[in-house]
Amino acid sequence: MPFNVNKNVQKLKESEVTIIRRSERINKLKNNFLISNAWKIIKQCNSKKSEPDRNLSTSGNLYIIYRHVYISDDVGRFPPKFRPDGFDYNKCFINLIETIENSKLRDRVNIIVFYNGTIDDLNKDKFMNVLNTTQIHIEVRLLEASSALQAVLVMMREVKNLSIMPNDILYLLENDYLHHEKWLEETFEIFDSKIKFDYISLYDHPDRYKYPSNYSNSVLYVTSNRHWTTAPSTCGTFLLKYEVFIRDYKYFYTYKNDIKVFTGLTKRLKRVLLTPIPGLSTHSMSEHLDPIQRFEAYFKKDN
């Protein structure tokens, strides 16, 4: 069997329940104009402006942390989203596996799937068919969470406890992305370059071209095949070295959404986020596809 399932189900801890309750209280306070504005002033006064240390050590292996969920017919929990024609979660994963299997760097890749569902859910999920056909070893870890926030908190905690090297690369990957055939080679190239950064996203977000004023302070870099540029934020799919994850763990282990997390990191803490032009992946949302490349054509292929 090319994959194994860790049947030790990971659940919320009391500390994570506290975080969720805190988020609920804060959301209520945000509706109060005076309190909301006072809090913004306090945060600005306490903001740190110093540049973080960045280790330029050669990268180790790549650990893909793939977050997936058993998708039921419960539209309350899984409301319909605007997707490109032929969209399929399993095809997103198949595309990922194909790009790795076809790469000379495949032996440097490890995949851990955090699956929000029971072992029975996994056994009847079509995702199991994909796991059974891949030649890459995959570890599946079961989660018990009733929301995306809960699943992220449990996943972040478990990632923090991984026994890996500081210079290993983490790829925190949501389950609805498609990838360029050479994303793996170009990922290792940027991490092994002399360019100083903290995080990268492989996604060339179309917001850069819809709202150019938000990116007016971007700095441009180049590797052998691609330009890379700074960005103020990205989605919940991104890469970083494990030592950076540990350094910034408290900012990821939060109730805040990805935009708020990254805006705080890049603007207040001066972390550097790079994204490629053109992109090396795309988020499979109809309104947020890559502005140039037609990654979504993959959904119409017969696998």
Foldseek 3Di string as FASTA:
>chain_A
DQEEEDQPAFEDDPVLVVQVVVVVVVVVVCVPPVSVVVVVVVCVVPFDDDADDFDLDAAAAEEEEEEEELDDPPCVQVPDAAFPPLFDLLLQVVLVLVLLVPDPRNVRYAYEYEYEDHPVSCVPDCNVVVVVPGNHYYYYYYYHDSHPLRSQLRSLVVLLPDPDDQRYKYWHHYRFKHFASCPVVVVSQVSNDPDTAFKEDLAPWCVCVVPVVQCVPKDWDDDPPWIKIWHQFDARTIMGGSNSCNVCVVLSNHSDGRNVSSNSCCPRVVGTYMYIVQGGMAGRHPVTGRPPDPSVVSSVDDD
